[in-house]
């Protein structure tokens, strides 16, 4: 099996985060795992930006007429519920 080519990425962090990361034995693997986990949970609408474009906002406003954001009584997290046929 051929070995995958690796690339080096660097990024800036605050001093406090740098201090914490330095205590992790294999911080490269930890950071790779954290990034991969985050990519599995990217919002499909904003694609991880946290911001809707004006066009996306317009689509959302139309969509929300038959959908509402509900807070779960058990886990207390928000989710979207379709109310079209209710």
PDB file of N, CA and C in Angstrom:
ATOM      1  N   UNK A   1       0.850  -1.179   0.000  1.00  0.00           N
ATOM      2  CA  UNK A   1       0.000   0.000   0.000  1.00  0.00           C
ATOM      3  C   UNK A   1       0.894   1.241   0.000  1.00  0.00           C
ATOM      4  N   UNK A   2       0.601   2.186  -0.883  1.00  0.00           N
ATOM      5  CA  UNK A   2       1.410   3.405  -0.989  1.00  0.00           C
ATOM      6  C   UNK A   2       1.119   4.336   0.184  1.00  0.00           C
ATOM      7  N   UNK A   3       2.165   4.965   0.669  1.00  0.00           N
ATOM      8  CA  UNK A   3       2.014   5.895   1.782  1.00  0.00           C
ATOM      9  C   UNK A   3       1.434   7.203   1.264  1.00  0.00           C
ATOM     10  N   UNK A   4       0.475   7.763   1.995  1.00  0.00           N
ATOM     11  CA  UNK A   4      -0.130   9.026   1.599  1.00  0.00           C
ATOM     12  C   UNK A   4       0.849  10.167   1.811  1.00  0.00           C
ATOM     13  N   UNK A   5       0.882  11.074   0.843  1.00  0.00           N
ATOM     14  CA  UNK A   5       1.726  12.249   0.970  1.00  0.00           C
ATOM     15  C   UNK A   5       1.142  13.156   2.045  1.00  0.00           C
ATOM     16  N   UNK A   6       1.999  13.657   2.915  1.00  0.00           N
ATOM     17  CA  UNK A   6       1.550  14.539   3.981  1.00  0.00           C
ATOM     18  C   UNK A   6       1.994  15.965   3.694  1.00  0.00           C
ATOM     19  N   UNK A   7       1.210  16.908   4.149  1.00  0.00           N
ATOM     20  CA  UNK A   7       1.543  18.323   4.033  1.00  0.00           C
ATOM     21  C   UNK A   7       1.564  18.922   5.423  1.00  0.00           C
ATOM     22  N   UNK A   8       2.323  19.969   5.579  1.00  0.00           N
ATOM     23  CA  UNK A   8       2.404  20.658   6.865  1.00  0.00           C
ATOM     24  C   UNK A   8       1.557  21.914   6.808  1.00  0.00           C
ATOM     25  N   UNK A   9       0.709  22.073   7.808  1.00  0.00           N
ATOM     26  CA  UNK A   9      -0.095  23.275   7.981  1.00  0.00           C
ATOM     27  C   UNK A   9       0.304  23.900   9.308  1.00  0.00           C
ATOM     28  N   UNK A  10       0.364  25.197   9.330  1.00  0.00           N
ATOM     29  CA  UNK A  10       0.637  25.875  10.598  1.00  0.00           C
ATOM     30  C   UNK A  10      -0.446  26.927  10.819  1.00  0.00           C
ATOM     31  N   UNK A  11      -0.708  27.226  12.069  1.00  0.00           N
ATOM     32  CA  UNK A  11      -1.707  28.229  12.401  1.00  0.00           C
ATOM     33  C   UNK A  11      -1.351  28.854  13.739  1.00  0.00           C
ATOM     34  N   UNK A  12      -1.856  30.055  13.940  1.00  0.00           N
ATOM     35  CA  UNK A  12      -1.574  30.784  15.171  1.00  0.00           C
ATOM     36  C   UNK A  12      -2.626  30.474  16.220  1.00  0.00           C
ATOM     37  N   UNK A  13      -2.192  30.414  17.467  1.00  0.00           N
ATOM     38  CA  UNK A  13      -3.101  30.225  18.588  1.00  0.00           C
ATOM     39  C   UNK A  13      -2.697  31.197  19.703  1.00  0.00           C
ATOM     40  N   UNK A  14      -3.641  31.455  20.584  1.00  0.00           N
ATOM     41  CA  UNK A  14      -3.359  32.294  21.731  1.00  0.00           C
ATOM     42  C   UNK A  14      -2.392  31.563  22.665  1.00  0.00           C
ATOM     43  N   UNK A  15      -1.683  32.324  23.475  1.00  0.00           N
ATOM     44  CA  UNK A  15      -0.679  31.761  24.380  1.00  0.00           C
ATOM     45  C   UNK A  15      -1.280  30.699  25.294  1.00  0.00           C
ATOM     46  N   UNK A  16      -2.479  30.929  25.795  1.00  0.00           N
ATOM     47  CA  UNK A  16      -3.118  29.967  26.702  1.00  0.00           C
ATOM     48  C   UNK A  16      -3.360  28.627  26.011  1.00  0.00           C
ATOM     49  N   UNK A  17      -3.859  28.682  24.763  1.00  0.00           N
ATOM     50  CA  UNK A  17      -4.099  27.445  24.019  1.00  0.00           C
ATOM     51  C   UNK A  17      -2.775  26.761  23.686  1.00  0.00           C
ATOM     52  N   UNK A  18      -1.759  27.523  23.334  1.00  0.00           N
ATOM     53  CA  UNK A  18      -0.438  26.948  23.050  1.00  0.00           C
ATOM     54  C   UNK A  18       0.095  26.207  24.275  1.00  0.00           C
ATOM     55  N   UNK A  19      -0.075  26.797  25.426  1.00  0.00           N
ATOM     56  CA  UNK A  19       0.381  26.164  26.668  1.00  0.00           C
ATOM     57  C   UNK A  19      -0.329  24.833  26.896  1.00  0.00           C
ATOM     58  N   UNK A  20      -1.632  24.815  26.664  1.00  0.00           N
ATOM     59  CA  UNK A  20      -2.411  23.586  26.847  1.00  0.00           C
ATOM     60  C   UNK A  20      -1.986  22.531  25.822  1.00  0.00           C
ATOM     61  N   UNK A  21      -1.835  22.936  24.566  1.00  0.00           N
ATOM     62  CA  UNK A  21      -1.451  21.983  23.523  1.00  0.00           C
ATOM     63  C   UNK A  21      -0.081  21.361  23.784  1.00  0.00           C
ATOM     64  N   UNK A  22       0.812  22.136  24.364  1.00  0.00           N
ATOM     65  CA  UNK A  22       2.156  21.617  24.648  1.00  0.00           C
ATOM     66  C   UNK A  22       2.139  20.494  25.680  1.00  0.00           C
ATOM     67  N   UNK A  23       1.060  20.378  26.447  1.00  0.00           N
ATOM     68  CA  UNK A  23       0.965  19.312  27.451  1.00  0.00           C
ATOM     69  C   UNK A  23       0.446  17.998  26.869  1.00  0.00           C
ATOM     70  N   UNK A  24      -0.044  18.021  25.631  1.00  0.00           N
ATOM     71  CA  UNK A  24      -0.595  16.821  25.003  1.00  0.00           C
ATOM     72  C   UNK A  24       0.541  16.031  24.361  1.00  0.00           C
ATOM     73  N   UNK A  25       0.684  14.753  24.710  1.00  0.00           N
ATOM     74  CA  UNK A  25       1.809  13.947  24.219  1.00  0.00           C
ATOM     75  C   UNK A  25       1.943  13.917  22.691  1.00  0.00           C
ATOM     76  N   UNK A  26       0.866  13.678  21.967  1.00  0.00           N
ATOM     77  CA  UNK A  26       0.927  13.630  20.506  1.00  0.00           C
ATOM     78  C   UNK A  26      -0.020  14.679  19.952  1.00  0.00           C
ATOM     79  N   UNK A  27       0.377  15.928  20.069  1.00  0.00           N
ATOM     80  CA  UNK A  27      -0.534  17.016  19.701  1.00  0.00           C
ATOM     81  C   UNK A  27      -0.876  17.025  18.217  1.00  0.00           C
ATOM     82  N   UNK A  28       0.023  16.583  17.338  1.00  0.00           N
ATOM     83  CA  UNK A  28      -0.312  16.539  15.906  1.00  0.00           C
ATOM     84  C   UNK A  28      -1.490  15.600  15.664  1.00  0.00           C
ATOM     85  N   UNK A  29      -1.451  14.418  16.256  1.00  0.00           N
ATOM     86  CA  UNK A  29      -2.559  13.468  16.099  1.00  0.00           C
ATOM     87  C   UNK A  29      -3.827  14.022  16.747  1.00  0.00           C
ATOM     88  N   UNK A  30      -3.682  14.653  17.905  1.00  0.00           N
ATOM     89  CA  UNK A  30      -4.830  15.245  18.584  1.00  0.00           C
ATOM     90  C   UNK A  30      -5.490  16.298  17.694  1.00  0.00           C
ATOM     91  N   UNK A  31      -4.694  17.170  17.094  1.00  0.00           N
ATOM     92  CA  UNK A  31      -5.225  18.237  16.232  1.00  0.00           C
ATOM     93  C   UNK A  31      -5.864  17.637  14.985  1.00  0.00           C
ATOM     94  N   UNK A  32      -5.217  16.638  14.367  1.00  0.00           N
ATOM     95  CA  UNK A  32      -5.812  15.977  13.191  1.00  0.00           C
ATOM     96  C   UNK A  32      -7.163  15.376  13.549  1.00  0.00           C
ATOM     97  N   UNK A  33      -7.237  14.670  14.683  1.00  0.00           N
ATOM     98  CA  UNK A  33      -8.509  14.063  15.115  1.00  0.00           C
ATOM     99  C   UNK A  33      -9.574  15.120  15.368  1.00  0.00           C
ATOM    100  N   UNK A  34      -9.193  16.218  16.000  1.00  0.00           N
ATOM    101  CA  UNK A  34     -10.155  17.285  16.296  1.00  0.00           C
ATOM    102  C   UNK A  34     -10.689  17.908  15.009  1.00  0.00           C
ATOM    103  N   UNK A  35      -9.819  18.109  14.043  1.00  0.00           N
ATOM    104  CA  UNK A  35     -10.257  18.683  12.766  1.00  0.00           C
ATOM    105  C   UNK A  35     -11.184  17.722  12.040  1.00  0.00           C
ATOM    106  N   UNK A  36     -10.829  16.444  11.987  1.00  0.00           N
ATOM    107  CA  UNK A  36     -11.684  15.466  11.308  1.00  0.00           C
ATOM    108  C   UNK A  36     -13.052  15.366  11.979  1.00  0.00           C
ATOM    109  N   UNK A  37     -13.079  15.379  13.306  1.00  0.00           N
ATOM    110  CA  UNK A  37     -14.351  15.320  14.030  1.00  0.00           C
ATOM    111  C   UNK A  37     -15.193  16.558  13.733  1.00  0.00           C
ATOM    112  N   UNK A  38     -14.549  17.714  13.683  1.00  0.00           N
ATOM    113  CA  UNK A  38     -15.269  18.952  13.372  1.00  0.00           C
ATOM    114  C   UNK A  38     -15.848  18.915  11.961  1.00  0.00           C
ATOM    115  N   UNK A  39     -15.106  18.370  11.019  1.00  0.00           N
ATOM    116  CA  UNK A  39     -15.590  18.298   9.640  1.00  0.00           C
ATOM    117  C   UNK A  39     -16.797  17.374   9.505  1.00  0.00           C
ATOM    118  N   UNK A  40     -16.923  16.395  10.393  1.00  0.00           N
ATOM    119  CA  UNK A  40     -18.089  15.502  10.378  1.00  0.00           C
ATOM    120  C   UNK A  40     -19.342  16.215  10.862  1.00  0.00           C
ATOM    121  N   UNK A  41     -19.176  17.336  11.555  1.00  0.00           N
ATOM    122  CA  UNK A  41     -20.308  18.029  12.165  1.00  0.00           C
ATOM    123  C   UNK A  41     -20.530  19.435  11.613  1.00  0.00           C
ATOM    124  N   UNK A  42     -20.141  19.653  10.373  1.00  0.00           N
ATOM    125  CA  UNK A  42     -20.303  20.966   9.755  1.00  0.00           C
ATOM    126  C   UNK A  42     -21.766  21.179   9.387  1.00  0.00           C
ATOM    127  N   UNK A  43     -22.267  22.345   9.677  1.00  0.00           N
ATOM    128  CA  UNK A  43     -23.643  22.698   9.312  1.00  0.00           C
ATOM    129  C   UNK A  43     -23.798  22.616   7.791  1.00  0.00           C
ATOM    130  N   UNK A  44     -24.797  21.870   7.303  1.00  0.00           N
ATOM    131  CA  UNK A  44     -24.956  21.739   5.856  1.00  0.00           C
ATOM    132  C   UNK A  44     -25.416  23.032   5.177  1.00  0.00           C
ATOM    133  N   UNK A  45     -25.980  23.940   5.937  1.00  0.00           N
ATOM    134  CA  UNK A  45     -26.467  25.175   5.333  1.00  0.00           C
ATOM    135  C   UNK A  45     -25.374  26.231   5.224  1.00  0.00           C
ATOM    136  N   UNK A  46     -24.705  26.532   6.321  1.00  0.00           N
ATOM    137  CA  UNK A  46     -23.655  27.567   6.287  1.00  0.00           C
ATOM    138  C   UNK A  46     -22.299  26.988   5.937  1.00  0.00           C
ATOM    139  N   UNK A  47     -22.207  25.654   5.870  1.00  0.00           N
ATOM    140  CA  UNK A  47     -20.973  24.939   5.546  1.00  0.00           C
ATOM    141  C   UNK A  47     -19.833  25.282   6.501  1.00  0.00           C
ATOM    142  N   UNK A  48     -20.193  25.493   7.762  1.00  0.00           N
ATOM    143  CA  UNK A  48     -19.184  25.699   8.792  1.00  0.00           C
ATOM    144  C   UNK A  48     -18.762  27.137   9.016  1.00  0.00           C
ATOM    145  N   UNK A  49     -19.287  28.071   8.250  1.00  0.00           N
ATOM    146  CA  UNK A  49     -18.884  29.467   8.430  1.00  0.00           C
ATOM    147  C   UNK A  49     -19.557  30.113   9.633  1.00  0.00           C
ATOM    148  N   UNK A  50     -20.740  29.608   9.978  1.00  0.00           N
ATOM    149  CA  UNK A  50     -21.501  30.213  11.069  1.00  0.00           C
ATOM    150  C   UNK A  50     -22.311  31.420  10.623  1.00  0.00           C
ATOM    151  N   UNK A  51     -22.264  31.717   9.335  1.00  0.00           N
ATOM    152  CA  UNK A  51     -22.954  32.897   8.795  1.00  0.00           C
ATOM    153  C   UNK A  51     -23.684  32.501   7.520  1.00  0.00           C
ATOM    154  N   UNK A  52     -24.914  32.974   7.375  1.00  0.00           N
ATOM    155  CA  UNK A  52     -25.665  32.751   6.144  1.00  0.00           C
ATOM    156  C   UNK A  52     -25.452  33.937   5.215  1.00  0.00           C
ATOM    157  N   UNK A  53     -25.267  33.651   3.937  1.00  0.00           N
ATOM    158  CA  UNK A  53     -25.174  34.723   2.945  1.00  0.00           C
ATOM    159  C   UNK A  53     -26.561  35.351   2.813  1.00  0.00           C
ATOM    160  N   UNK A  54     -26.670  36.529   2.234  1.00  0.00           N
ATOM    161  CA  UNK A  54     -27.997  37.128   2.037  1.00  0.00           C
ATOM    162  C   UNK A  54     -28.945  36.209   1.270  1.00  0.00           C
ATOM    163  N   UNK A  55     -28.428  35.491   0.280  1.00  0.00           N
ATOM    164  CA  UNK A  55     -29.267  34.576  -0.490  1.00  0.00           C
ATOM    165  C   UNK A  55     -29.707  33.392   0.371  1.00  0.00           C
ATOM    166  N   UNK A  56     -28.776  32.832   1.166  1.00  0.00           N
ATOM    167  CA  UNK A  56     -29.131  31.729   2.068  1.00  0.00           C
ATOM    168  C   UNK A  56     -30.156  32.194   3.093  1.00  0.00           C
ATOM    169  N   UNK A  57     -30.011  33.403   3.595  1.00  0.00           N
ATOM    170  CA  UNK A  57     -30.946  33.966   4.572  1.00  0.00           C
ATOM    171  C   UNK A  57     -32.337  34.062   3.967  1.00  0.00           C
ATOM    172  N   UNK A  58     -32.407  34.463   2.708  1.00  0.00           N
ATOM    173  CA  UNK A  58     -33.694  34.552   2.016  1.00  0.00           C
ATOM    174  C   UNK A  58     -34.341  33.171   1.905  1.00  0.00           C
ATOM    175  N   UNK A  59     -33.548  32.163   1.543  1.00  0.00           N
ATOM    176  CA  UNK A  59     -34.074  30.789   1.473  1.00  0.00           C
ATOM    177  C   UNK A  59     -34.530  30.315   2.853  1.00  0.00           C
ATOM    178  N   UNK A  60     -33.752  30.627   3.878  1.00  0.00           N
ATOM    179  CA  UNK A  60     -34.092  30.224   5.241  1.00  0.00           C
ATOM    180  C   UNK A  60     -35.416  30.850   5.671  1.00  0.00           C
ATOM    181  N   UNK A  61     -35.604  32.122   5.361  1.00  0.00           N
ATOM    182  CA  UNK A  61     -36.845  32.801   5.752  1.00  0.00           C
ATOM    183  C   UNK A  61     -38.048  32.131   5.115  1.00  0.00           C
ATOM    184  N   UNK A  62     -37.922  31.672   3.887  1.00  0.00           N
ATOM    185  CA  UNK A  62     -39.009  30.941   3.234  1.00  0.00           C
ATOM    186  C   UNK A  62     -39.208  29.578   3.892  1.00  0.00           C
ATOM    187  N   UNK A  63     -38.115  28.889   4.174  1.00  0.00           N
ATOM    188  CA  UNK A  63     -38.141  27.555   4.777  1.00  0.00           C
ATOM    189  C   UNK A  63     -38.766  27.572   6.167  1.00  0.00           C
ATOM    190  N   UNK A  64     -38.486  28.625   6.944  1.00  0.00           N
ATOM    191  CA  UNK A  64     -38.935  28.649   8.332  1.00  0.00           C
ATOM    192  C   UNK A  64     -40.441  28.869   8.483  1.00  0.00           C
ATOM    193  N   UNK A  65     -41.138  29.131   7.392  1.00  0.00           N
ATOM    194  CA  UNK A  65     -42.603  29.252   7.490  1.00  0.00           C
ATOM    195  C   UNK A  65     -43.241  27.917   7.856  1.00  0.00           C
ATOM    196  N   UNK A  66     -42.599  26.808   7.460  1.00  0.00           N
ATOM    197  CA  UNK A  66     -43.152  25.495   7.799  1.00  0.00           C
ATOM    198  C   UNK A  66     -42.187  24.666   8.645  1.00  0.00           C
ATOM    199  N   UNK A  67     -41.169  25.320   9.189  1.00  0.00           N
ATOM    200  CA  UNK A  67     -40.196  24.643  10.051  1.00  0.00           C
ATOM    201  C   UNK A  67     -39.862  25.557  11.217  1.00  0.00           C
ATOM    202  N   UNK A  68     -39.660  24.963  12.366  1.00  0.00           N
ATOM    203  CA  UNK A  68     -39.335  25.761  13.542  1.00  0.00           C
ATOM    204  C   UNK A  68     -38.158  25.151  14.291  1.00  0.00           C
ATOM    205  N   UNK A  69     -37.413  26.003  14.922  1.00  0.00           N
ATOM    206  CA  UNK A  69     -36.317  25.530  15.759  1.00  0.00           C
ATOM    207  C   UNK A  69     -36.896  25.224  17.127  1.00  0.00           C
ATOM    208  N   UNK A  70     -36.729  23.989  17.561  1.00  0.00           N
ATOM    209  CA  UNK A  70     -37.278  23.488  18.816  1.00  0.00           C
ATOM    210  C   UNK A  70     -36.120  23.117  19.740  1.00  0.00           C
ATOM    211  N   UNK A  71     -36.290  23.306  21.009  1.00  0.00           N
ATOM    212  CA  UNK A  71     -35.275  22.884  21.983  1.00  0.00           C
ATOM    213  C   UNK A  71     -35.727  21.568  22.601  1.00  0.00           C
ATOM    214  N   UNK A  72     -34.870  20.558  22.543  1.00  0.00           N
ATOM    215  CA  UNK A  72     -35.175  19.232  23.077  1.00  0.00           C
ATOM    216  C   UNK A  72     -35.315  19.306  24.595  1.00  0.00           C
ATOM    217  N   UNK A  73     -36.351  18.697  25.122  1.00  0.00           N
ATOM    218  CA  UNK A  73     -36.577  18.674  26.555  1.00  0.00           C
ATOM    219  C   UNK A  73     -35.600  17.781  27.308  1.00  0.00           C
ATOM    220  N   UNK A  74     -34.979  16.829  26.603  1.00  0.00           N
ATOM    221  CA  UNK A  74     -34.033  15.912  27.250  1.00  0.00           C
ATOM    222  C   UNK A  74     -32.597  16.424  27.200  1.00  0.00           C
ATOM    223  N   UNK A  75     -32.100  16.698  25.994  1.00  0.00           N
ATOM    224  CA  UNK A  75     -30.690  17.100  25.874  1.00  0.00           C
ATOM    225  C   UNK A  75     -30.517  18.619  25.829  1.00  0.00           C
ATOM    226  N   UNK A  76     -31.627  19.340  25.707  1.00  0.00           N
ATOM    227  CA  UNK A  76     -31.654  20.806  25.675  1.00  0.00           C
ATOM    228  C   UNK A  76     -30.983  21.420  24.450  1.00  0.00           C
ATOM    229  N   UNK A  77     -30.711  20.603  23.417  1.00  0.00           N
ATOM    230  CA  UNK A  77     -30.125  21.122  22.191  1.00  0.00           C
ATOM    231  C   UNK A  77     -31.223  21.464  21.192  1.00  0.00           C
ATOM    232  N   UNK A  78     -30.924  22.397  20.309  1.00  0.00           N
ATOM    233  CA  UNK A  78     -31.896  22.832  19.304  1.00  0.00           C
ATOM    234  C   UNK A  78     -31.879  21.894  18.104  1.00  0.00           C
ATOM    235  N   UNK A  79     -33.061  21.735  17.500  1.00  0.00           N
ATOM    236  CA  UNK A  79     -33.176  20.977  16.264  1.00  0.00           C
ATOM    237  C   UNK A  79     -34.302  21.578  15.448  1.00  0.00           C
ATOM    238  N   UNK A  80     -34.365  21.219  14.165  1.00  0.00           N
ATOM    239  CA  UNK A  80     -35.390  21.764  13.272  1.00  0.00           C
ATOM    240  C   UNK A  80     -36.521  20.760  13.158  1.00  0.00           C
ATOM    241  N   UNK A  81     -37.741  21.249  13.335  1.00  0.00           N
ATOM    242  CA  UNK A  81     -38.928  20.388  13.227  1.00  0.00           C
ATOM    243  C   UNK A  81     -39.816  20.918  12.107  1.00  0.00           C
ATOM    244  N   UNK A  82     -40.255  19.999  11.252  1.00  0.00           N
ATOM    245  CA  UNK A  82     -41.166  20.366  10.161  1.00  0.00           C
ATOM    246  C   UNK A  82     -42.579  20.483  10.723  1.00  0.00           C
ATOM    247  N   UNK A  83     -43.214  21.592  10.483  1.00  0.00           N
ATOM    248  CA  UNK A  83     -44.582  21.799  10.948  1.00  0.00           C
ATOM    249  C   UNK A  83     -45.537  21.954   9.763  1.00  0.00           C
ATOM    250  N   UNK A  84     -45.098  21.537   8.579  1.00  0.00           N
ATOM    251  CA  UNK A  84     -45.877  21.723   7.362  1.00  0.00           C
ATOM    252  C   UNK A  84     -47.238  21.050   7.430  1.00  0.00           C
ATOM    253  N   UNK A  85     -47.306  19.808   7.908  1.00  0.00           N
ATOM    254  CA  UNK A  85     -48.561  19.053   7.939  1.00  0.00           C
ATOM    255  C   UNK A  85     -49.216  19.018   9.300  1.00  0.00           C
ATOM    256  N   UNK A  86     -48.767  19.835  10.230  1.00  0.00           N
ATOM    257  CA  UNK A  86     -49.345  19.802  11.581  1.00  0.00           C
ATOM    258  C   UNK A  86     -50.541  20.686  11.676  1.00  0.00           C
TER     259      UNK A  86
END
